[in-house]
N, C-alpha and C. Protein backbone atom coordinates (compact mmCIF):
# COMPACT_ATOMS: atom_id res chain seq x y z
N MET A 1 1.22 -1.29 0.08
CA MET A 1 0.01 -0.30 -0.28
C MET A 1 0.51 1.38 -0.54
N LYS A 2 0.51 2.07 -1.14
CA LYS A 2 1.07 3.61 -0.72
C LYS A 2 0.63 4.67 0.43
N ARG A 3 1.95 5.29 0.77
CA ARG A 3 0.94 5.87 1.99
C ARG A 3 1.47 7.24 1.70
N ILE A 4 0.04 7.91 1.92
CA ILE A 4 -0.05 9.87 1.06
C ILE A 4 -0.29 10.21 2.31
N GLY A 5 0.31 11.63 3.10
CA GLY A 5 -0.39 12.31 3.62
C GLY A 5 -1.05 13.47 2.88
N ILE A 6 -1.92 13.53 3.46
CA ILE A 6 -3.10 15.18 3.06
C ILE A 6 -2.61 16.57 4.05
N ILE A 7 -2.52 17.82 2.97
CA ILE A 7 -2.48 18.48 4.42
C ILE A 7 -3.51 19.98 3.50
N GLY A 8 -3.77 19.93 4.08
CA GLY A 8 -5.90 20.79 3.42
C GLY A 8 -5.89 22.21 3.69
N GLY A 9 -6.02 22.99 3.31
CA GLY A 9 -6.56 24.56 3.84
C GLY A 9 -6.69 25.50 2.76
N THR A 10 -6.92 26.76 3.21
CA THR A 10 -7.25 27.86 2.14
C THR A 10 -5.37 28.10 1.48
N PHE A 11 -4.31 27.86 2.74
CA PHE A 11 -3.13 28.21 1.79
C PHE A 11 -3.09 29.73 1.61
N ASP A 12 -4.27 30.48 2.15
CA ASP A 12 -4.11 31.74 2.05
C ASP A 12 -2.82 33.59 2.45
N PRO A 13 -1.50 33.46 2.39
CA PRO A 13 -0.93 32.85 1.67
C PRO A 13 -0.15 30.84 2.47
N PRO A 14 0.02 29.93 1.46
CA PRO A 14 0.94 29.42 2.10
C PRO A 14 2.29 29.72 2.42
N HIS A 15 3.19 28.94 3.70
CA HIS A 15 4.12 29.64 4.49
C HIS A 15 4.82 28.36 4.82
N ASN A 16 6.04 29.27 5.29
CA ASN A 16 7.51 28.39 6.46
C ASN A 16 6.83 26.99 7.04
N GLY A 17 5.50 27.39 8.01
CA GLY A 17 4.45 26.21 8.99
C GLY A 17 4.63 25.42 7.85
N HIS A 18 3.21 25.56 7.07
CA HIS A 18 2.78 24.48 6.51
C HIS A 18 3.94 23.45 6.00
N LEU A 19 4.99 24.13 5.45
CA LEU A 19 6.18 23.49 4.49
C LEU A 19 6.86 22.32 5.74
N LEU A 20 7.42 22.97 7.58
CA LEU A 20 7.25 22.31 8.48
C LEU A 20 7.02 21.62 8.94
N ILE A 21 5.34 21.22 9.02
CA ILE A 21 4.17 20.12 9.11
C ILE A 21 4.50 19.03 8.44
N ALA A 22 4.39 19.23 7.81
CA ALA A 22 4.53 18.20 5.99
C ALA A 22 5.71 17.67 6.27
N ASN A 23 6.87 18.31 6.00
CA ASN A 23 8.02 17.05 6.50
C ASN A 23 8.52 16.92 7.77
N GLU A 24 7.84 17.17 8.11
CA GLU A 24 8.28 16.20 10.06
C GLU A 24 7.06 15.40 9.37
N VAL A 25 6.11 15.30 9.08
CA VAL A 25 5.00 14.32 9.19
C VAL A 25 5.94 13.83 8.23
N TYR A 26 5.45 13.67 6.83
CA TYR A 26 6.93 12.80 5.72
C TYR A 26 7.69 11.74 6.67
N ASP A 27 8.51 12.45 7.32
CA ASP A 27 9.34 11.91 8.01
C ASP A 27 9.39 10.66 8.98
N ALA A 28 8.35 11.45 9.57
CA ALA A 28 8.26 11.07 11.14
C ALA A 28 7.30 9.57 10.44
N LEU A 29 6.74 9.38 9.81
CA LEU A 29 5.56 8.44 9.53
C LEU A 29 5.57 7.69 7.90
N ARG A 30 7.31 7.95 7.56
CA ARG A 30 7.62 7.30 6.50
C ARG A 30 6.29 7.20 5.47
N LEU A 31 6.56 8.45 5.10
CA LEU A 31 5.09 8.72 4.13
C LEU A 31 6.05 8.43 2.39
N ASP A 32 4.95 8.17 1.58
CA ASP A 32 5.88 8.39 0.35
C ASP A 32 5.32 9.66 -0.61
N GLU A 33 4.91 10.15 0.14
CA GLU A 33 4.33 11.64 -0.76
C GLU A 33 3.34 12.30 0.65
N VAL A 34 3.84 13.70 0.27
CA VAL A 34 2.65 14.33 1.00
C VAL A 34 1.76 15.53 0.06
N TRP A 35 0.77 15.57 -0.21
CA TRP A 35 -0.15 16.42 -1.57
C TRP A 35 -0.47 17.42 -0.65
N PHE A 36 -0.76 18.60 -0.45
CA PHE A 36 -0.86 20.23 -0.27
C PHE A 36 -2.40 19.92 -1.34
N MET A 37 -3.73 20.41 0.00
CA MET A 37 -5.34 20.00 -0.88
C MET A 37 -5.34 21.34 -0.63
N PRO A 38 -5.09 22.49 -2.23
CA PRO A 38 -6.20 24.15 -1.24
C PRO A 38 -7.35 23.82 -1.36
N ASN A 39 -8.54 24.12 -0.79
CA ASN A 39 -10.39 23.75 -0.62
C ASN A 39 -10.86 25.40 -1.36
N ALA A 40 -11.51 25.11 -1.74
CA ALA A 40 -12.67 26.53 -2.28
C ALA A 40 -13.55 26.79 -1.39
N SER A 41 -14.51 26.35 -0.68
CA SER A 41 -14.89 26.60 0.72
C SER A 41 -14.69 25.94 1.67
N PRO A 42 -14.32 25.99 2.69
CA PRO A 42 -14.58 25.56 3.99
C PRO A 42 -15.10 25.85 4.40
N PRO A 43 -15.92 24.89 5.04
CA PRO A 43 -17.53 25.30 5.61
C PRO A 43 -17.46 26.29 6.76
N HIS A 44 -15.96 26.13 7.49
CA HIS A 44 -16.12 26.96 8.75
C HIS A 44 -15.43 28.17 7.90
N LYS A 45 -15.21 28.75 7.16
CA LYS A 45 -14.45 29.39 6.60
C LYS A 45 -15.66 30.78 5.74
N LEU A 46 -16.53 30.15 5.65
CA LEU A 46 -17.75 30.70 4.28
C LEU A 46 -18.06 32.28 4.43
N GLU A 47 -17.96 32.63 6.23
CA GLU A 47 -18.07 34.07 5.91
C GLU A 47 -16.84 34.77 5.33
N LYS A 48 -16.13 34.32 5.47
CA LYS A 48 -14.79 34.73 5.61
C LYS A 48 -14.61 35.20 4.46
N HIS A 49 -13.40 36.28 3.60
CA HIS A 49 -12.89 36.28 2.74
C HIS A 49 -12.28 35.21 1.80
N VAL A 50 -11.22 35.09 0.76
CA VAL A 50 -10.91 33.97 0.08
C VAL A 50 -9.83 34.83 -0.56
N THR A 51 -8.46 34.57 -0.74
CA THR A 51 -7.71 34.74 -2.07
C THR A 51 -8.23 33.96 -2.74
N SER A 52 -7.84 34.82 -4.21
CA SER A 52 -8.88 34.33 -5.06
C SER A 52 -7.63 32.49 -6.21
N THR A 53 -8.51 31.14 -6.22
CA THR A 53 -7.98 30.68 -6.31
C THR A 53 -7.28 30.49 -7.03
N HIS A 54 -7.20 31.28 -7.90
CA HIS A 54 -5.79 30.90 -8.67
C HIS A 54 -4.38 31.15 -8.42
N ASP A 55 -4.78 33.26 -7.92
CA ASP A 55 -3.39 32.99 -6.78
C ASP A 55 -3.07 32.36 -5.59
N ARG A 56 -4.21 31.68 -4.82
CA ARG A 56 -3.62 30.76 -3.84
C ARG A 56 -2.99 29.29 -5.17
N VAL A 57 -3.20 28.55 -5.52
CA VAL A 57 -3.15 27.74 -6.29
C VAL A 57 -1.33 28.16 -7.02
N GLU A 58 -1.21 28.83 -7.56
CA GLU A 58 0.14 29.79 -7.99
C GLU A 58 1.07 29.53 -6.81
N MET A 59 0.81 29.88 -5.75
CA MET A 59 1.61 30.19 -4.84
C MET A 59 1.83 29.10 -4.15
N LEU A 60 1.08 27.98 -4.37
CA LEU A 60 1.25 26.81 -3.76
C LEU A 60 1.76 26.06 -4.41
N LYS A 61 2.50 26.16 -6.21
CA LYS A 61 2.66 25.55 -7.13
C LYS A 61 4.18 25.74 -6.94
N LEU A 62 4.24 27.48 -5.97
CA LEU A 62 5.89 27.95 -5.97
C LEU A 62 6.53 27.72 -4.66
N ALA A 63 5.53 27.22 -3.32
CA ALA A 63 5.57 26.63 -2.74
C ALA A 63 6.98 25.41 -2.31
N ILE A 64 6.10 24.60 -3.29
CA ILE A 64 6.60 22.89 -2.87
C ILE A 64 7.65 22.86 -4.39
N GLU A 65 7.36 24.04 -5.10
CA GLU A 65 8.38 23.54 -6.32
C GLU A 65 10.14 23.10 -5.82
N GLY A 66 10.29 21.56 -6.70
CA GLY A 66 11.59 20.88 -6.82
C GLY A 66 11.52 19.87 -5.23
N GLU A 67 10.69 19.99 -4.93
CA GLU A 67 9.95 19.50 -3.53
C GLU A 67 9.87 18.23 -4.49
N LEU A 68 11.03 17.01 -4.39
CA LEU A 68 10.11 15.52 -5.17
C LEU A 68 8.73 14.90 -4.21
N TYR A 69 8.63 14.63 -3.32
CA TYR A 69 7.59 14.50 -2.45
C TYR A 69 7.04 15.21 -2.25
N PHE A 70 6.70 16.74 -2.73
CA PHE A 70 5.59 17.18 -1.95
C PHE A 70 4.55 17.54 -3.42
N SER A 71 3.51 17.20 -3.26
CA SER A 71 2.32 17.23 -4.69
C SER A 71 0.88 18.30 -4.19
N LEU A 72 0.28 18.60 -5.55
CA LEU A 72 -0.57 19.95 -5.71
C LEU A 72 -1.93 18.61 -6.08
N CYS A 73 -2.90 18.23 -5.13
CA CYS A 73 -3.98 18.06 -5.59
C CYS A 73 -5.24 19.21 -5.20
N LEU A 74 -5.61 19.03 -6.44
CA LEU A 74 -6.62 19.80 -6.65
C LEU A 74 -8.34 19.52 -6.26
N VAL A 75 -8.78 18.36 -5.93
CA VAL A 75 -10.11 17.50 -6.15
C VAL A 75 -10.93 18.65 -5.93
N GLU A 76 -10.57 19.19 -4.05
CA GLU A 76 -11.99 20.54 -3.71
C GLU A 76 -11.85 21.41 -4.43
N LEU A 77 -10.94 22.02 -5.20
CA LEU A 77 -11.73 22.78 -6.44
C LEU A 77 -11.72 22.40 -7.17
N GLU A 78 -11.94 21.56 -7.88
CA GLU A 78 -12.67 20.91 -8.99
C GLU A 78 -14.46 20.83 -8.26
N ARG A 79 -15.08 20.73 -7.53
CA ARG A 79 -16.02 20.40 -7.34
C ARG A 79 -16.71 21.73 -7.14
N GLN A 80 -18.14 22.39 -6.85
CA GLN A 80 -18.86 23.49 -6.36
C GLN A 80 -19.37 23.08 -4.72
N GLY A 81 -19.23 24.02 -4.35
CA GLY A 81 -20.01 24.22 -3.22
C GLY A 81 -19.24 24.28 -1.43
N PRO A 82 -19.16 24.28 -1.15
CA PRO A 82 -18.22 24.05 0.44
C PRO A 82 -18.13 22.83 0.22
N SER A 83 -16.09 22.51 0.56
CA SER A 83 -15.65 21.49 0.78
C SER A 83 -15.35 20.12 2.13
N TYR A 84 -16.03 19.52 2.08
CA TYR A 84 -16.68 18.54 3.08
C TYR A 84 -15.64 17.59 2.95
N THR A 85 -14.52 17.56 4.27
CA THR A 85 -13.41 16.45 3.85
C THR A 85 -14.34 14.76 3.75
N TYR A 86 -15.04 15.30 3.91
CA TYR A 86 -15.22 13.19 4.03
C TYR A 86 -15.73 13.46 2.70
N ASP A 87 -16.83 14.51 1.24
CA ASP A 87 -16.64 13.77 0.59
C ASP A 87 -15.61 13.98 -0.41
N THR A 88 -14.21 13.88 -0.16
CA THR A 88 -13.18 14.64 -0.73
C THR A 88 -12.29 12.76 -0.15
N MET A 89 -12.17 12.68 0.96
CA MET A 89 -11.40 11.43 0.83
C MET A 89 -12.23 10.52 0.50
N LEU A 90 -14.04 10.03 -0.21
CA LEU A 90 -14.32 8.85 -0.17
C LEU A 90 -14.08 9.01 -2.00
N GLU A 91 -13.93 10.01 -2.19
CA GLU A 91 -13.45 10.12 -4.03
C GLU A 91 -11.94 10.16 -4.01
N LEU A 92 -10.61 10.12 -3.08
CA LEU A 92 -9.70 10.05 -3.24
C LEU A 92 -9.63 8.07 -3.31
N LYS A 93 -10.09 7.76 -1.76
CA LYS A 93 -10.27 6.52 -1.62
C LYS A 93 -10.90 5.61 -3.17
N GLU A 94 -11.87 5.82 -3.70
CA GLU A 94 -12.62 5.76 -4.96
C GLU A 94 -11.83 5.20 -6.35
N ALA A 95 -10.75 6.66 -5.73
CA ALA A 95 -9.93 6.40 -7.39
C ALA A 95 -8.41 5.87 -6.95
N HIS A 96 -8.06 5.95 -5.05
CA HIS A 96 -6.64 5.31 -5.64
C HIS A 96 -7.08 4.10 -4.27
N PRO A 97 -7.65 3.09 -4.70
CA PRO A 97 -7.92 2.39 -3.55
C PRO A 97 -6.69 1.28 -2.82
N ASP A 98 -4.94 1.45 -3.54
CA ASP A 98 -4.08 0.86 -3.24
C ASP A 98 -3.32 1.98 -2.22
N THR A 99 -4.10 2.70 -1.62
CA THR A 99 -3.35 3.68 -0.87
C THR A 99 -3.75 4.25 0.04
N SER A 100 -2.98 4.32 1.43
CA SER A 100 -3.24 4.60 2.18
C SER A 100 -2.95 5.99 2.93
N PHE A 101 -4.35 6.37 3.23
CA PHE A 101 -4.39 7.98 3.36
C PHE A 101 -3.78 8.63 4.84
N TYR A 102 -3.17 9.16 4.93
CA TYR A 102 -3.02 10.54 6.13
C TYR A 102 -3.48 11.42 5.93
N PHE A 103 -4.55 12.20 7.30
CA PHE A 103 -5.33 13.40 6.99
C PHE A 103 -4.20 14.69 7.89
N ILE A 104 -3.50 16.03 7.93
CA ILE A 104 -2.98 16.20 8.29
C ILE A 104 -3.46 17.64 9.46
N ILE A 105 -3.78 17.21 10.64
CA ILE A 105 -4.40 18.34 11.00
C ILE A 105 -3.78 19.07 12.29
N GLY A 106 -3.83 20.19 12.63
CA GLY A 106 -3.20 20.77 13.86
C GLY A 106 -3.83 20.91 14.66
N GLY A 107 -3.54 21.47 16.27
CA GLY A 107 -3.85 21.38 17.11
C GLY A 107 -5.57 21.32 17.46
N ASP A 108 -5.52 22.89 16.75
CA ASP A 108 -6.93 23.46 16.97
C ASP A 108 -7.92 22.69 16.16
N MET A 109 -7.48 22.27 15.07
CA MET A 109 -8.26 21.29 14.09
C MET A 109 -8.86 19.76 15.01
N VAL A 110 -8.54 19.44 16.11
CA VAL A 110 -7.91 18.11 16.59
C VAL A 110 -9.34 18.53 17.77
N GLU A 111 -9.36 19.70 18.48
CA GLU A 111 -10.20 19.74 19.47
C GLU A 111 -11.50 20.64 18.73
N TYR A 112 -11.58 20.80 16.80
CA TYR A 112 -12.60 21.22 16.52
C TYR A 112 -13.49 19.36 15.58
N LEU A 113 -12.27 18.57 15.54
CA LEU A 113 -12.96 17.52 15.14
C LEU A 113 -14.40 16.91 15.28
N PRO A 114 -14.80 16.69 16.41
CA PRO A 114 -16.24 16.39 16.66
C PRO A 114 -17.74 17.16 16.03
N LYS A 115 -16.93 18.00 16.15
CA LYS A 115 -17.51 19.15 15.22
C LYS A 115 -18.30 18.83 13.25
N TRP A 116 -16.66 18.04 12.57
CA TRP A 116 -16.45 17.70 11.06
C TRP A 116 -18.20 16.53 10.86
N TYR A 117 -18.04 17.12 9.59
CA TYR A 117 -18.80 16.70 9.12
C TYR A 117 -19.12 14.81 8.80
N ARG A 118 -19.66 14.28 9.39
CA ARG A 118 -19.86 12.75 9.46
C ARG A 118 -18.50 12.42 9.46
N VAL A 119 -17.69 12.61 10.51
CA VAL A 119 -16.94 12.17 11.01
C VAL A 119 -16.37 10.78 11.38
N GLU A 120 -17.10 10.37 11.80
CA GLU A 120 -16.72 8.69 11.72
C GLU A 120 -16.76 7.72 10.56
N GLY A 121 -17.49 8.32 10.01
CA GLY A 121 -17.20 7.63 8.73
C GLY A 121 -15.77 8.13 7.68
N LEU A 122 -15.52 8.96 8.52
CA LEU A 122 -14.12 9.58 7.78
C LEU A 122 -13.39 9.39 8.38
N LEU A 123 -13.18 8.94 9.71
CA LEU A 123 -11.74 8.22 10.44
C LEU A 123 -12.09 6.30 10.10
N ALA A 124 -12.73 5.96 8.54
CA ALA A 124 -12.72 4.70 8.43
C ALA A 124 -12.01 4.92 7.09
N LEU A 125 -12.07 6.18 6.56
CA LEU A 125 -10.57 6.37 5.21
C LEU A 125 -9.91 6.97 5.41
N ALA A 126 -9.72 7.97 6.25
CA ALA A 126 -8.35 8.36 6.46
C ALA A 126 -7.52 7.88 8.00
N THR A 127 -6.38 8.44 8.15
CA THR A 127 -6.08 8.28 9.50
C THR A 127 -5.66 9.11 9.68
N PHE A 128 -6.01 10.35 11.13
CA PHE A 128 -5.77 11.38 10.98
C PHE A 128 -4.42 11.59 12.01
N VAL A 129 -3.91 12.65 11.51
CA VAL A 129 -2.79 13.06 12.23
C VAL A 129 -2.36 14.43 13.04
N GLY A 130 -2.61 14.37 13.94
CA GLY A 130 -2.87 16.08 14.80
C GLY A 130 -1.31 15.93 14.86
N VAL A 131 -0.62 17.62 14.77
CA VAL A 131 0.74 17.86 14.78
C VAL A 131 0.33 18.88 16.52
N THR A 132 1.23 19.20 17.15
CA THR A 132 1.44 20.35 17.91
C THR A 132 1.02 21.94 16.95
N ARG A 133 0.28 22.62 17.94
CA ARG A 133 0.05 23.85 18.04
C ARG A 133 0.42 24.73 19.39
N PRO A 134 0.92 25.96 19.40
CA PRO A 134 0.80 26.45 19.92
C PRO A 134 -0.72 26.79 20.43
N GLY A 135 -1.00 27.14 22.00
CA GLY A 135 -2.54 27.40 22.60
C GLY A 135 -2.91 26.36 22.25
N TYR A 136 -2.76 24.94 22.14
CA TYR A 136 -4.34 23.90 21.35
C TYR A 136 -3.58 22.48 22.30
N THR A 137 -4.32 21.39 22.30
CA THR A 137 -4.43 20.47 22.65
C THR A 137 -4.58 19.37 22.16
N LEU A 138 -3.95 18.44 21.66
CA LEU A 138 -4.08 17.34 21.32
C LEU A 138 -4.74 16.19 21.80
N SER A 139 -5.61 16.32 22.47
CA SER A 139 -6.09 15.63 23.23
C SER A 139 -7.63 15.25 22.19
N SER A 140 -8.15 14.40 22.61
CA SER A 140 -9.40 13.64 21.49
C SER A 140 -10.50 12.32 21.16
N PRO A 141 -11.48 12.50 21.66
CA PRO A 141 -12.23 11.99 21.20
C PRO A 141 -11.70 10.21 20.60
N TYR A 142 -10.82 10.59 19.86
CA TYR A 142 -10.68 9.19 17.91
C TYR A 142 -9.55 9.12 18.13
N ASP A 143 -9.31 7.63 17.72
CA ASP A 143 -8.13 7.68 17.36
C ASP A 143 -7.53 8.01 16.47
N ILE A 144 -6.51 8.30 16.95
CA ILE A 144 -5.14 9.58 15.57
C ILE A 144 -4.08 9.72 15.95
N VAL A 145 -3.22 9.94 15.56
CA VAL A 145 -1.74 9.32 15.28
C VAL A 145 -1.31 11.06 16.58
N THR A 146 -1.05 11.17 16.81
CA THR A 146 -0.64 12.54 17.51
C THR A 146 1.14 12.53 17.93
N LEU A 147 1.72 14.18 16.75
CA LEU A 147 3.14 14.03 16.55
C LEU A 147 3.38 15.44 17.58
N GLU A 148 4.28 15.46 18.28
CA GLU A 148 5.57 16.52 18.82
C GLU A 148 6.33 16.87 17.26
N ILE A 149 6.32 18.36 16.91
CA ILE A 149 6.92 18.91 15.65
C ILE A 149 7.38 20.07 16.23
N PRO A 150 8.76 20.72 15.86
CA PRO A 150 8.81 21.93 16.23
C PRO A 150 7.87 22.64 16.14
N GLU A 151 7.83 24.26 17.17
CA GLU A 151 7.25 25.01 16.81
C GLU A 151 7.15 26.34 15.84
N PHE A 152 6.58 26.70 15.34
CA PHE A 152 6.07 27.73 14.01
C PHE A 152 5.30 28.68 14.26
N SER A 153 4.99 29.65 15.35
CA SER A 153 4.66 30.20 15.27
C SER A 153 3.88 31.35 14.58
N VAL A 154 3.33 30.85 13.67
CA VAL A 154 2.86 31.87 11.97
C VAL A 154 1.84 31.37 11.81
N SER A 155 0.94 32.22 11.34
CA SER A 155 -0.01 32.44 10.78
C SER A 155 -0.59 32.60 9.48
N SER A 156 -1.44 32.38 8.12
CA SER A 156 -2.14 32.98 7.10
C SER A 156 -1.86 34.39 6.99
N SER A 157 -2.62 34.75 9.00
CA SER A 157 -3.47 35.91 9.28
C SER A 157 -2.33 37.20 9.16
N LEU A 158 -2.00 36.64 9.88
CA LEU A 158 -0.59 37.33 10.37
C LEU A 158 0.46 37.85 8.61
N ILE A 159 0.82 36.92 7.76
CA ILE A 159 1.42 37.07 7.43
C ILE A 159 0.78 38.36 6.51
N ARG A 160 -0.74 37.89 6.50
CA ARG A 160 -2.00 39.49 5.21
C ARG A 160 -1.45 39.58 6.25
N GLU A 161 -1.53 39.92 7.42
CA GLU A 161 -1.47 41.65 7.95
C GLU A 161 0.02 42.67 7.86
N ARG A 162 1.03 41.25 7.54
CA ARG A 162 1.85 42.21 7.84
C ARG A 162 1.90 42.74 6.39
N PHE A 163 2.14 41.78 4.95
CA PHE A 163 1.97 42.00 3.85
C PHE A 163 0.97 43.44 3.58
N MET A 164 -0.29 43.73 4.17
CA MET A 164 -0.60 44.72 3.97
C MET A 164 -0.30 46.16 5.63
N LYS A 165 0.55 46.04 6.11
CA LYS A 165 0.99 47.23 6.40
C LYS A 165 2.60 47.15 5.93
N GLY A 166 3.16 46.78 5.17
CA GLY A 166 4.39 46.48 4.23
C GLY A 166 4.84 46.54 5.92
N ARG A 167 5.55 45.51 6.58
CA ARG A 167 6.00 44.79 7.21
C ARG A 167 6.89 44.01 7.21
N THR A 168 7.48 43.52 7.43
CA THR A 168 8.85 42.23 6.67
C THR A 168 8.02 40.73 6.59
N THR A 169 8.15 40.12 5.67
CA THR A 169 7.33 39.05 6.00
C THR A 169 8.33 37.46 5.99
N ARG A 170 10.40 38.49 5.84
CA ARG A 170 10.82 37.46 5.29
C ARG A 170 11.03 35.95 6.00
N TYR A 171 11.14 35.38 6.11
CA TYR A 171 11.70 33.97 6.61
C TYR A 171 10.92 33.44 7.50
N LEU A 172 9.36 33.59 6.63
CA LEU A 172 8.22 33.07 7.25
C LEU A 172 7.41 32.68 6.34
N LEU A 173 8.09 32.98 5.05
CA LEU A 173 7.36 32.63 3.50
C LEU A 173 8.07 31.99 3.01
N PRO A 174 8.27 31.38 1.74
CA PRO A 174 8.85 31.33 0.82
C PRO A 174 9.65 32.04 0.39
N GLU A 175 10.79 32.26 -0.44
CA GLU A 175 11.24 33.99 -0.76
C GLU A 175 10.04 33.94 -2.88
N LYS A 176 10.33 32.32 -3.28
CA LYS A 176 9.17 32.92 -4.15
C LYS A 176 7.78 33.35 -4.20
N VAL A 177 7.09 32.69 -2.73
CA VAL A 177 5.23 32.67 -3.11
C VAL A 177 5.71 34.37 -2.90
N GLN A 178 7.53 35.57 -1.80
CA GLN A 178 7.03 36.74 -0.88
C GLN A 178 7.08 37.36 -2.64
N ASP A 179 8.00 36.94 -3.45
CA ASP A 179 8.02 37.27 -4.88
C ASP A 179 7.10 37.71 -5.71
N TYR A 180 5.82 36.49 -5.48
CA TYR A 180 4.73 36.31 -6.06
C TYR A 180 3.64 37.33 -5.72
N ILE A 181 3.33 38.04 -4.34
CA ILE A 181 3.10 38.15 -3.26
C ILE A 181 2.85 39.64 -3.97
N GLU A 182 4.40 40.88 -3.98
CA GLU A 182 5.11 41.56 -4.25
C GLU A 182 4.53 42.17 -5.52
N ARG A 183 4.90 41.04 -6.58
CA ARG A 183 4.97 41.23 -7.83
C ARG A 183 3.26 41.29 -8.27
N ASN A 184 2.48 40.51 -8.05
CA ASN A 184 0.57 40.69 -8.54
C ASN A 184 0.09 41.65 -6.99
N GLY A 185 0.64 42.49 -6.18
CA GLY A 185 -0.08 42.87 -5.36
C GLY A 185 -1.09 42.51 -4.27
N VAL A 186 -0.56 41.09 -4.28
CA VAL A 186 -1.56 39.97 -3.03
C VAL A 186 -1.86 41.08 -2.21
N TYR A 187 -2.77 40.63 -1.00
CA TYR A 187 -3.16 41.19 0.19
C TYR A 187 -2.57 43.17 -0.21
N GLY A 188 -2.61 43.24 -0.85
CA GLY A 188 -1.93 45.18 -1.13
C GLY A 188 -0.70 45.59 -1.18
N ALA A 189 0.47 44.35 -1.15
CA ALA A 189 1.71 44.19 -0.83
C ALA A 189 2.40 45.09 -2.10
N ALA A 190 3.31 45.96 -1.10
CA ALA A 190 3.99 46.20 -2.01
C ALA A 190 5.47 45.65 -1.29
N ALA A 191 6.57 45.73 -2.71
CA ALA A 191 8.35 45.59 -2.01
C ALA A 191 8.57 46.34 -0.26
N SER A 192 8.73 45.20 0.39
CA SER A 192 8.86 46.11 1.88
C SER A 192 10.21 46.13 1.95
N VAL A 193 10.63 46.98 1.97
CA VAL A 193 12.30 47.27 2.94
C VAL A 193 13.00 46.16 3.68
N GLY A 194 12.03 45.56 4.66
CA GLY A 194 12.05 44.55 5.62
C GLY A 194 12.09 43.32 5.38
N ASN A 195 11.68 43.26 3.84
CA ASN A 195 12.01 42.22 2.98
C ASN A 195 12.90 41.54 2.10
N ARG A 196 14.04 42.83 1.97
CA ARG A 196 15.19 42.34 1.48
C ARG A 196 17.18 43.58 2.20
N PRO A 197 17.46 43.05 2.08
CA PRO A 197 18.48 42.86 2.55
C PRO A 197 19.43 44.69 1.35
N GLN A 198 19.80 45.30 2.07
CA GLN A 198 20.48 46.58 2.23
C GLN A 198 21.48 46.34 1.62
N ALA A 199 22.22 47.19 0.94
CA ALA A 199 23.53 46.94 -0.28
C ALA A 199 24.42 47.80 1.05
N ASN A 200 25.36 47.51 1.19
CA ASN A 200 26.37 48.12 2.12
C ASN A 200 26.54 49.57 1.49
N ALA A 201 26.60 50.94 2.79
CA ALA A 201 26.66 51.65 2.40
C ALA A 201 28.36 52.18 1.57
């Protein structure tokens, strides 16, 4: 059986924390690959503005470029309406019956699991992997794999706010993603002094 990890989210934008989580789980569980799966309309974020699908997909491509064991999975973007993980995993299991899936979530989502749509059925389709996140526990009534990983206390919302305020985002996200955001004015960004090394006087 092939062993595939899946890390889902809006990736608005993708940052080094996402890459760290994916790599730590890939290594600890000896996975064959990790698929990054952007979603269109996550049910718990229906009231929030999400950056265009095109920009988020392009940023993800740049974030994982050159990583042989990271791939992009666009199955949720190909469906209309809210993205329910149960429907996604059912579709993936039917398409890949010879694969064991490991669905990677942070501590905040571990606490939220009892509220997930059809969670009991979902647990039969994929093994959940909960990773540490500052401020949250990995306690769950369900049988999930838990992993302690190095903490990288950064969020996409923090990065968006910094771009909007012209503050530095250097070392928080891949340089290619940062360049894309600045070139295309995503989040109202322009090149920030704090993102670029200064020449010696």
